[in-house]
Amino acid sequence: MPLADDEAFWIGLTRCDPSIEVSLALRVDIDGHRGVDAFTGETWNAREPFAVLVPPVREIDGIRRTDDSRWVFARASGAVSAPKCRALGFAALSGRRAPNDISDFLGQRAPNRIGAAATVRLVDHAEFQHRTHLAPPSPLDPNMGYKGWRLP
């Protein structure tokens, strides 16, 4: 996903089929860390990742902090203390699950369940163009970029 310096984003969540419940876990790979759980802000635990049900959760607005604010998802920011996100790893499992247990999906899939996993890399516009041979989208207005503000 191409992302200019000082651009940030949030993730909206919907189900493709409203009759199927979905549990979702999200690992954020940031500079200096192997992985962080977006929902807890703690080090990613592949054996017991925290997962949310979609819905009631309809958006992910960043990485949870200990004071219950969020760091936004940004590839590069002028804010010195803001984490630089390199990739987002999604793991989903259909059907109702305990809100913090999709570990069997990451190890062995449960029978009659559809599991999916995907990684989205955050890259600058030049790398996006090099890898895809497509023109990157225009950056946002430079005065509107993320300046390190924390989300409430």
N, C-alpha and C. Protein backbone atom coordinates (compact mmCIF):
# COMPACT_ATOMS: atom_id res chain seq x y z
N MET A 1 0.85 -1.16 0.00
CA MET A 1 0.00 0.00 0.00
C MET A 1 0.90 1.23 0.00
N PRO A 2 0.76 2.10 -0.98
CA PRO A 2 1.60 3.30 -1.01
C PRO A 2 1.12 4.32 0.02
N LEU A 3 2.06 4.87 0.74
CA LEU A 3 1.73 5.85 1.77
C LEU A 3 2.87 6.87 1.83
N ALA A 4 2.54 8.13 1.62
CA ALA A 4 3.54 9.19 1.66
C ALA A 4 3.98 9.45 3.10
N ASP A 5 5.12 10.11 3.25
CA ASP A 5 5.56 10.54 4.58
C ASP A 5 4.47 11.41 5.19
N ASP A 6 4.26 11.25 6.48
CA ASP A 6 3.27 12.02 7.25
C ASP A 6 1.83 11.75 6.84
N GLU A 7 1.57 10.68 6.10
CA GLU A 7 0.20 10.25 5.87
C GLU A 7 -0.11 9.11 6.83
N ALA A 8 -1.33 9.10 7.32
CA ALA A 8 -1.78 8.06 8.24
C ALA A 8 -3.15 7.57 7.77
N PHE A 9 -3.59 6.43 8.30
CA PHE A 9 -4.89 5.90 7.90
C PHE A 9 -5.50 5.10 9.03
N TRP A 10 -6.77 4.83 8.92
CA TRP A 10 -7.47 3.93 9.82
C TRP A 10 -8.11 2.86 8.93
N ILE A 11 -8.62 1.81 9.52
CA ILE A 11 -9.15 0.68 8.76
C ILE A 11 -10.62 0.50 9.12
N GLY A 12 -11.48 0.54 8.11
CA GLY A 12 -12.90 0.26 8.30
C GLY A 12 -13.15 -1.23 8.10
N LEU A 13 -14.03 -1.81 8.89
CA LEU A 13 -14.29 -3.25 8.83
C LEU A 13 -15.76 -3.51 8.51
N THR A 14 -16.00 -4.36 7.53
CA THR A 14 -17.34 -4.87 7.24
C THR A 14 -17.20 -6.35 6.89
N ARG A 15 -18.29 -7.07 7.00
CA ARG A 15 -18.28 -8.48 6.60
C ARG A 15 -18.82 -8.59 5.19
N CYS A 16 -18.25 -9.46 4.40
CA CYS A 16 -18.75 -9.70 3.04
C CYS A 16 -20.14 -10.32 3.09
N ASP A 17 -20.34 -11.22 4.04
CA ASP A 17 -21.63 -11.90 4.20
C ASP A 17 -22.12 -11.62 5.63
N PRO A 18 -23.16 -10.80 5.79
CA PRO A 18 -23.63 -10.45 7.13
C PRO A 18 -24.08 -11.63 7.98
N SER A 19 -24.33 -12.80 7.36
CA SER A 19 -24.78 -13.96 8.12
C SER A 19 -23.62 -14.73 8.76
N ILE A 20 -22.39 -14.40 8.39
CA ILE A 20 -21.22 -15.11 8.92
C ILE A 20 -20.45 -14.18 9.85
N GLU A 21 -20.29 -14.63 11.09
CA GLU A 21 -19.51 -13.84 12.03
C GLU A 21 -18.03 -14.04 11.76
N VAL A 22 -17.26 -13.00 11.99
CA VAL A 22 -15.83 -13.03 11.72
C VAL A 22 -15.06 -12.52 12.93
N SER A 23 -14.00 -13.26 13.30
CA SER A 23 -13.06 -12.81 14.33
C SER A 23 -11.79 -12.35 13.61
N LEU A 24 -11.20 -11.25 14.07
CA LEU A 24 -10.04 -10.68 13.40
C LEU A 24 -8.95 -10.33 14.40
N ALA A 25 -7.71 -10.73 14.07
CA ALA A 25 -6.53 -10.34 14.84
C ALA A 25 -5.65 -9.51 13.91
N LEU A 26 -4.89 -8.56 14.48
CA LEU A 26 -4.06 -7.68 13.64
C LEU A 26 -2.69 -7.47 14.27
N ARG A 27 -1.66 -7.93 13.54
CA ARG A 27 -0.26 -7.73 13.94
C ARG A 27 0.28 -6.54 13.15
N VAL A 28 0.98 -5.64 13.85
CA VAL A 28 1.60 -4.49 13.19
C VAL A 28 3.11 -4.65 13.33
N ASP A 29 3.79 -4.72 12.19
CA ASP A 29 5.25 -4.78 12.20
C ASP A 29 5.78 -3.35 12.16
N ILE A 30 6.49 -2.97 13.22
CA ILE A 30 7.02 -1.61 13.30
C ILE A 30 8.53 -1.67 13.49
N ASP A 31 9.20 -0.57 13.16
CA ASP A 31 10.65 -0.51 13.34
C ASP A 31 11.02 -0.86 14.77
N GLY A 32 12.01 -1.70 14.92
CA GLY A 32 12.52 -2.04 16.24
C GLY A 32 11.75 -3.11 16.98
N HIS A 33 10.67 -3.64 16.40
CA HIS A 33 9.86 -4.67 17.05
C HIS A 33 9.54 -5.75 16.03
N ARG A 34 9.43 -6.95 16.52
CA ARG A 34 9.06 -8.07 15.64
C ARG A 34 7.60 -7.97 15.24
N GLY A 35 6.77 -7.54 16.15
CA GLY A 35 5.34 -7.37 15.88
C GLY A 35 4.62 -6.89 17.12
N VAL A 36 3.61 -6.08 16.92
CA VAL A 36 2.81 -5.54 18.01
C VAL A 36 1.36 -5.86 17.72
N ASP A 37 0.61 -6.24 18.74
CA ASP A 37 -0.82 -6.48 18.60
C ASP A 37 -1.52 -5.12 18.58
N ALA A 38 -2.23 -4.81 17.49
CA ALA A 38 -2.88 -3.51 17.37
C ALA A 38 -3.93 -3.28 18.43
N PHE A 39 -4.61 -4.35 18.88
CA PHE A 39 -5.72 -4.19 19.82
C PHE A 39 -5.26 -4.06 21.27
N THR A 40 -4.10 -4.60 21.61
CA THR A 40 -3.62 -4.53 22.99
C THR A 40 -2.41 -3.63 23.15
N GLY A 41 -1.66 -3.40 22.08
CA GLY A 41 -0.43 -2.62 22.15
C GLY A 41 0.74 -3.42 22.68
N GLU A 42 0.52 -4.68 22.98
CA GLU A 42 1.58 -5.55 23.51
C GLU A 42 2.30 -6.27 22.38
N THR A 43 3.42 -6.91 22.74
CA THR A 43 4.15 -7.70 21.76
C THR A 43 3.23 -8.78 21.19
N TRP A 44 3.30 -8.98 19.88
CA TRP A 44 2.45 -9.96 19.20
C TRP A 44 2.72 -11.35 19.73
N ASN A 45 1.67 -12.07 20.05
CA ASN A 45 1.76 -13.44 20.52
C ASN A 45 1.03 -14.32 19.51
N ALA A 46 1.77 -14.94 18.61
CA ALA A 46 1.16 -15.75 17.56
C ALA A 46 0.39 -16.94 18.11
N ARG A 47 0.76 -17.42 19.30
CA ARG A 47 0.06 -18.56 19.89
C ARG A 47 -1.29 -18.15 20.47
N GLU A 48 -1.39 -16.93 20.99
CA GLU A 48 -2.63 -16.45 21.59
C GLU A 48 -2.88 -15.00 21.21
N PRO A 49 -3.15 -14.74 19.94
CA PRO A 49 -3.41 -13.35 19.55
C PRO A 49 -4.76 -12.88 20.05
N PHE A 50 -4.87 -11.61 20.29
CA PHE A 50 -6.14 -11.03 20.69
C PHE A 50 -6.96 -10.80 19.43
N ALA A 51 -8.22 -11.17 19.45
CA ALA A 51 -9.08 -11.01 18.28
C ALA A 51 -10.37 -10.31 18.68
N VAL A 52 -10.95 -9.60 17.73
CA VAL A 52 -12.23 -8.92 17.95
C VAL A 52 -13.26 -9.48 16.99
N LEU A 53 -14.53 -9.35 17.36
CA LEU A 53 -15.62 -9.75 16.47
C LEU A 53 -15.99 -8.57 15.58
N VAL A 54 -16.22 -8.87 14.31
CA VAL A 54 -16.61 -7.85 13.33
C VAL A 54 -18.05 -8.14 12.90
N PRO A 55 -19.04 -7.27 13.14
CA PRO A 55 -19.07 -6.31 14.21
C PRO A 55 -19.19 -7.02 15.55
N PRO A 56 -19.12 -6.38 16.66
CA PRO A 56 -19.39 -4.96 16.86
C PRO A 56 -18.23 -4.02 16.49
N VAL A 57 -17.01 -4.52 16.42
CA VAL A 57 -15.91 -3.64 16.04
C VAL A 57 -16.05 -3.32 14.55
N ARG A 58 -16.08 -2.04 14.22
CA ARG A 58 -16.28 -1.62 12.83
C ARG A 58 -15.10 -0.81 12.28
N GLU A 59 -14.14 -0.49 13.13
CA GLU A 59 -12.96 0.22 12.65
C GLU A 59 -11.78 -0.04 13.58
N ILE A 60 -10.59 0.09 13.00
CA ILE A 60 -9.35 0.01 13.77
C ILE A 60 -8.65 1.33 13.52
N ASP A 61 -8.53 2.14 14.57
CA ASP A 61 -8.01 3.49 14.38
C ASP A 61 -6.54 3.63 14.75
N GLY A 62 -5.86 2.52 15.00
CA GLY A 62 -4.43 2.58 15.28
C GLY A 62 -4.01 1.54 16.29
N ILE A 63 -2.82 1.73 16.84
CA ILE A 63 -2.23 0.80 17.80
C ILE A 63 -2.53 1.32 19.20
N ARG A 64 -3.15 0.47 20.00
CA ARG A 64 -3.52 0.87 21.36
C ARG A 64 -2.29 1.18 22.19
N ARG A 65 -2.40 2.23 23.01
CA ARG A 65 -1.33 2.64 23.92
C ARG A 65 -1.78 2.38 25.36
N THR A 66 -0.84 2.39 26.28
CA THR A 66 -1.16 2.08 27.67
C THR A 66 -2.14 3.09 28.29
N ASP A 67 -2.16 4.34 27.78
CA ASP A 67 -3.09 5.33 28.32
C ASP A 67 -4.44 5.31 27.59
N ASP A 68 -4.68 4.27 26.79
CA ASP A 68 -5.91 4.04 26.03
C ASP A 68 -6.06 4.98 24.84
N SER A 69 -5.04 5.77 24.51
CA SER A 69 -5.06 6.52 23.25
C SER A 69 -4.50 5.59 22.18
N ARG A 70 -4.33 6.07 20.96
CA ARG A 70 -3.85 5.22 19.87
C ARG A 70 -2.72 5.92 19.11
N TRP A 71 -1.77 5.11 18.64
CA TRP A 71 -0.83 5.57 17.62
C TRP A 71 -1.48 5.27 16.29
N VAL A 72 -1.51 6.23 15.39
CA VAL A 72 -2.10 5.99 14.08
C VAL A 72 -1.19 5.08 13.26
N PHE A 73 -1.76 4.47 12.25
CA PHE A 73 -0.98 3.68 11.31
C PHE A 73 -0.31 4.66 10.34
N ALA A 74 1.02 4.73 10.39
CA ALA A 74 1.78 5.62 9.51
C ALA A 74 3.09 4.94 9.16
N ARG A 75 3.52 5.08 7.92
CA ARG A 75 4.79 4.49 7.47
C ARG A 75 5.98 5.33 7.92
N ALA A 76 5.86 6.64 7.84
CA ALA A 76 6.93 7.55 8.25
C ALA A 76 6.28 8.83 8.75
N SER A 77 6.78 9.32 9.87
CA SER A 77 6.18 10.49 10.47
C SER A 77 7.26 11.39 11.04
N GLY A 78 6.97 12.67 11.08
CA GLY A 78 7.87 13.62 11.71
C GLY A 78 7.87 13.51 13.22
N ALA A 79 6.89 12.83 13.78
CA ALA A 79 6.84 12.65 15.23
C ALA A 79 7.88 11.62 15.63
N VAL A 80 8.87 12.04 16.41
CA VAL A 80 9.99 11.17 16.76
C VAL A 80 9.53 9.91 17.50
N SER A 81 8.56 10.03 18.39
CA SER A 81 8.16 8.89 19.20
C SER A 81 7.12 8.00 18.52
N ALA A 82 6.55 8.44 17.41
CA ALA A 82 5.53 7.64 16.73
C ALA A 82 6.16 6.43 16.07
N PRO A 83 5.53 5.25 16.20
CA PRO A 83 6.09 4.06 15.54
C PRO A 83 5.96 4.14 14.03
N LYS A 84 6.95 3.61 13.34
CA LYS A 84 6.92 3.56 11.88
C LYS A 84 6.44 2.17 11.47
N CYS A 85 5.25 2.10 10.93
CA CYS A 85 4.65 0.83 10.54
C CYS A 85 5.25 0.35 9.23
N ARG A 86 5.65 -0.90 9.19
CA ARG A 86 6.21 -1.49 7.97
C ARG A 86 5.21 -2.43 7.29
N ALA A 87 4.38 -3.10 8.08
CA ALA A 87 3.40 -4.03 7.50
C ALA A 87 2.31 -4.30 8.52
N LEU A 88 1.15 -4.70 8.03
CA LEU A 88 0.02 -5.11 8.86
C LEU A 88 -0.32 -6.55 8.49
N GLY A 89 -0.38 -7.43 9.49
CA GLY A 89 -0.72 -8.83 9.27
C GLY A 89 -2.10 -9.13 9.82
N PHE A 90 -3.02 -9.49 8.96
CA PHE A 90 -4.40 -9.78 9.34
C PHE A 90 -4.60 -11.28 9.42
N ALA A 91 -5.33 -11.75 10.43
CA ALA A 91 -5.73 -13.15 10.54
C ALA A 91 -7.21 -13.16 10.88
N ALA A 92 -8.01 -13.86 10.08
CA ALA A 92 -9.45 -13.89 10.28
C ALA A 92 -9.96 -15.32 10.30
N LEU A 93 -11.02 -15.53 11.04
CA LEU A 93 -11.65 -16.84 11.14
C LEU A 93 -13.16 -16.62 11.15
N SER A 94 -13.89 -17.37 10.35
CA SER A 94 -15.33 -17.21 10.32
C SER A 94 -15.95 -17.96 11.49
N GLY A 95 -17.10 -17.50 11.91
CA GLY A 95 -17.83 -18.11 13.01
C GLY A 95 -17.51 -17.45 14.33
N ARG A 96 -18.46 -17.54 15.26
CA ARG A 96 -18.28 -16.89 16.56
C ARG A 96 -17.18 -17.59 17.33
N ARG A 97 -16.29 -16.79 17.90
CA ARG A 97 -15.17 -17.29 18.69
C ARG A 97 -15.11 -16.47 19.97
N ALA A 98 -14.42 -16.99 20.95
CA ALA A 98 -14.12 -16.16 22.11
C ALA A 98 -13.35 -14.96 21.59
N PRO A 99 -13.61 -13.74 22.10
CA PRO A 99 -13.01 -12.55 21.52
C PRO A 99 -11.49 -12.53 21.51
N ASN A 100 -10.84 -13.38 22.27
CA ASN A 100 -9.37 -13.34 22.26
C ASN A 100 -8.76 -14.71 21.97
N ASP A 101 -9.44 -15.52 21.16
CA ASP A 101 -8.88 -16.83 20.87
C ASP A 101 -9.09 -17.24 19.42
N ILE A 102 -8.09 -17.01 18.59
CA ILE A 102 -8.09 -17.61 17.25
C ILE A 102 -6.78 -18.35 17.05
N SER A 103 -6.18 -18.74 18.17
CA SER A 103 -4.87 -19.39 18.08
C SER A 103 -4.92 -20.70 17.31
N ASP A 104 -6.05 -21.42 17.34
CA ASP A 104 -6.09 -22.67 16.59
C ASP A 104 -6.04 -22.40 15.09
N PHE A 105 -6.55 -21.26 14.66
CA PHE A 105 -6.46 -20.90 13.24
C PHE A 105 -5.00 -20.70 12.83
N LEU A 106 -4.23 -20.05 13.68
CA LEU A 106 -2.84 -19.76 13.33
C LEU A 106 -1.98 -21.02 13.40
N GLY A 107 -2.39 -22.01 14.18
CA GLY A 107 -1.66 -23.27 14.24
C GLY A 107 -2.28 -24.27 13.29
N GLN A 108 -3.43 -24.80 13.66
CA GLN A 108 -4.18 -25.72 12.80
C GLN A 108 -5.60 -25.18 12.69
N ARG A 109 -6.14 -25.25 11.49
CA ARG A 109 -7.50 -24.75 11.32
C ARG A 109 -8.51 -25.71 11.93
N ALA A 110 -9.53 -25.11 12.52
CA ALA A 110 -10.63 -25.92 13.06
C ALA A 110 -11.46 -26.44 11.89
N PRO A 111 -12.04 -27.64 11.99
CA PRO A 111 -12.84 -28.17 10.90
C PRO A 111 -14.04 -27.26 10.61
N ASN A 112 -14.46 -27.22 9.35
CA ASN A 112 -15.63 -26.46 8.91
C ASN A 112 -15.50 -24.96 9.16
N ARG A 113 -14.31 -24.46 9.23
CA ARG A 113 -14.10 -23.03 9.39
C ARG A 113 -13.28 -22.53 8.22
N ILE A 114 -13.57 -21.32 7.78
CA ILE A 114 -12.77 -20.72 6.71
C ILE A 114 -11.82 -19.74 7.36
N GLY A 115 -10.54 -19.95 7.18
CA GLY A 115 -9.54 -19.04 7.72
C GLY A 115 -8.87 -18.28 6.61
N ALA A 116 -8.44 -17.08 6.93
CA ALA A 116 -7.73 -16.28 5.94
C ALA A 116 -6.67 -15.46 6.66
N ALA A 117 -5.56 -15.26 5.97
CA ALA A 117 -4.49 -14.42 6.50
C ALA A 117 -3.93 -13.61 5.35
N ALA A 118 -3.55 -12.38 5.65
CA ALA A 118 -2.97 -11.51 4.62
C ALA A 118 -2.03 -10.52 5.29
N THR A 119 -1.00 -10.14 4.55
CA THR A 119 -0.08 -9.12 5.02
C THR A 119 -0.10 -7.97 4.02
N VAL A 120 -0.22 -6.76 4.54
CA VAL A 120 -0.20 -5.56 3.72
C VAL A 120 1.05 -4.78 4.09
N ARG A 121 1.96 -4.62 3.11
CA ARG A 121 3.18 -3.85 3.34
C ARG A 121 2.91 -2.39 3.05
N LEU A 122 3.45 -1.51 3.90
CA LEU A 122 3.35 -0.07 3.69
C LEU A 122 4.65 0.39 3.06
N VAL A 123 4.57 1.01 1.89
CA VAL A 123 5.76 1.42 1.15
C VAL A 123 5.61 2.87 0.71
N ASP A 124 6.73 3.49 0.36
CA ASP A 124 6.64 4.84 -0.21
C ASP A 124 6.20 4.73 -1.67
N HIS A 125 5.94 5.87 -2.28
CA HIS A 125 5.41 5.86 -3.65
C HIS A 125 6.39 5.27 -4.65
N ALA A 126 7.68 5.53 -4.47
CA ALA A 126 8.68 5.01 -5.42
C ALA A 126 8.72 3.48 -5.38
N GLU A 127 8.70 2.89 -4.18
CA GLU A 127 8.73 1.43 -4.08
C GLU A 127 7.44 0.82 -4.65
N PHE A 128 6.31 1.47 -4.40
CA PHE A 128 5.05 0.99 -4.96
C PHE A 128 5.14 0.94 -6.49
N GLN A 129 5.64 2.01 -7.08
CA GLN A 129 5.74 2.07 -8.54
C GLN A 129 6.73 1.02 -9.06
N HIS A 130 7.85 0.83 -8.36
CA HIS A 130 8.85 -0.15 -8.76
C HIS A 130 8.28 -1.57 -8.72
N ARG A 131 7.55 -1.90 -7.66
CA ARG A 131 7.05 -3.26 -7.48
C ARG A 131 5.84 -3.57 -8.35
N THR A 132 4.98 -2.58 -8.59
CA THR A 132 3.73 -2.85 -9.30
C THR A 132 3.72 -2.37 -10.75
N HIS A 133 4.65 -1.49 -11.09
CA HIS A 133 4.68 -0.86 -12.41
C HIS A 133 3.42 -0.04 -12.67
N LEU A 134 2.81 0.44 -11.59
CA LEU A 134 1.64 1.30 -11.67
C LEU A 134 1.99 2.67 -11.11
N ALA A 135 1.29 3.68 -11.57
CA ALA A 135 1.50 5.02 -11.02
C ALA A 135 0.90 5.07 -9.61
N PRO A 136 1.64 5.59 -8.65
CA PRO A 136 1.09 5.69 -7.30
C PRO A 136 0.05 6.80 -7.23
N PRO A 137 -0.83 6.74 -6.23
CA PRO A 137 -1.82 7.81 -6.07
C PRO A 137 -1.11 9.11 -5.67
N SER A 138 -1.76 10.21 -5.90
CA SER A 138 -1.20 11.50 -5.49
C SER A 138 -1.20 11.59 -3.97
N PRO A 139 -0.14 12.16 -3.39
CA PRO A 139 -0.12 12.35 -1.94
C PRO A 139 -1.19 13.35 -1.52
N LEU A 140 -1.56 13.26 -0.26
CA LEU A 140 -2.49 14.23 0.29
C LEU A 140 -1.84 15.60 0.34
N ASP A 141 -2.63 16.60 0.59
CA ASP A 141 -2.12 17.95 0.80
C ASP A 141 -1.06 17.90 1.90
N PRO A 142 0.17 18.40 1.64
CA PRO A 142 1.24 18.31 2.64
C PRO A 142 0.90 18.99 3.96
N ASN A 143 0.00 19.94 3.95
CA ASN A 143 -0.39 20.62 5.19
C ASN A 143 -1.39 19.80 6.00
N MET A 144 -1.91 18.72 5.41
CA MET A 144 -2.92 17.91 6.09
C MET A 144 -2.33 16.61 6.65
N GLY A 145 -1.05 16.40 6.53
CA GLY A 145 -0.44 15.15 6.97
C GLY A 145 -0.45 14.97 8.48
N TYR A 146 -0.20 13.73 8.88
CA TYR A 146 -0.12 13.38 10.29
C TYR A 146 1.11 14.03 10.91
N LYS A 147 0.93 14.73 12.01
CA LYS A 147 2.02 15.46 12.66
C LYS A 147 2.36 14.88 14.04
N GLY A 148 2.00 13.64 14.27
CA GLY A 148 2.34 13.01 15.54
C GLY A 148 1.28 13.14 16.61
N TRP A 149 0.10 13.66 16.27
CA TRP A 149 -0.95 13.78 17.26
C TRP A 149 -1.46 12.42 17.65
N ARG A 150 -1.77 12.25 18.91
CA ARG A 150 -2.36 11.01 19.38
C ARG A 150 -3.85 11.06 19.22
N LEU A 151 -4.45 9.94 18.90
CA LEU A 151 -5.91 9.87 18.82
C LEU A 151 -6.48 9.69 20.22
N PRO A 152 -7.64 10.27 20.47
CA PRO A 152 -8.26 10.12 21.80
C PRO A 152 -8.71 8.70 22.04
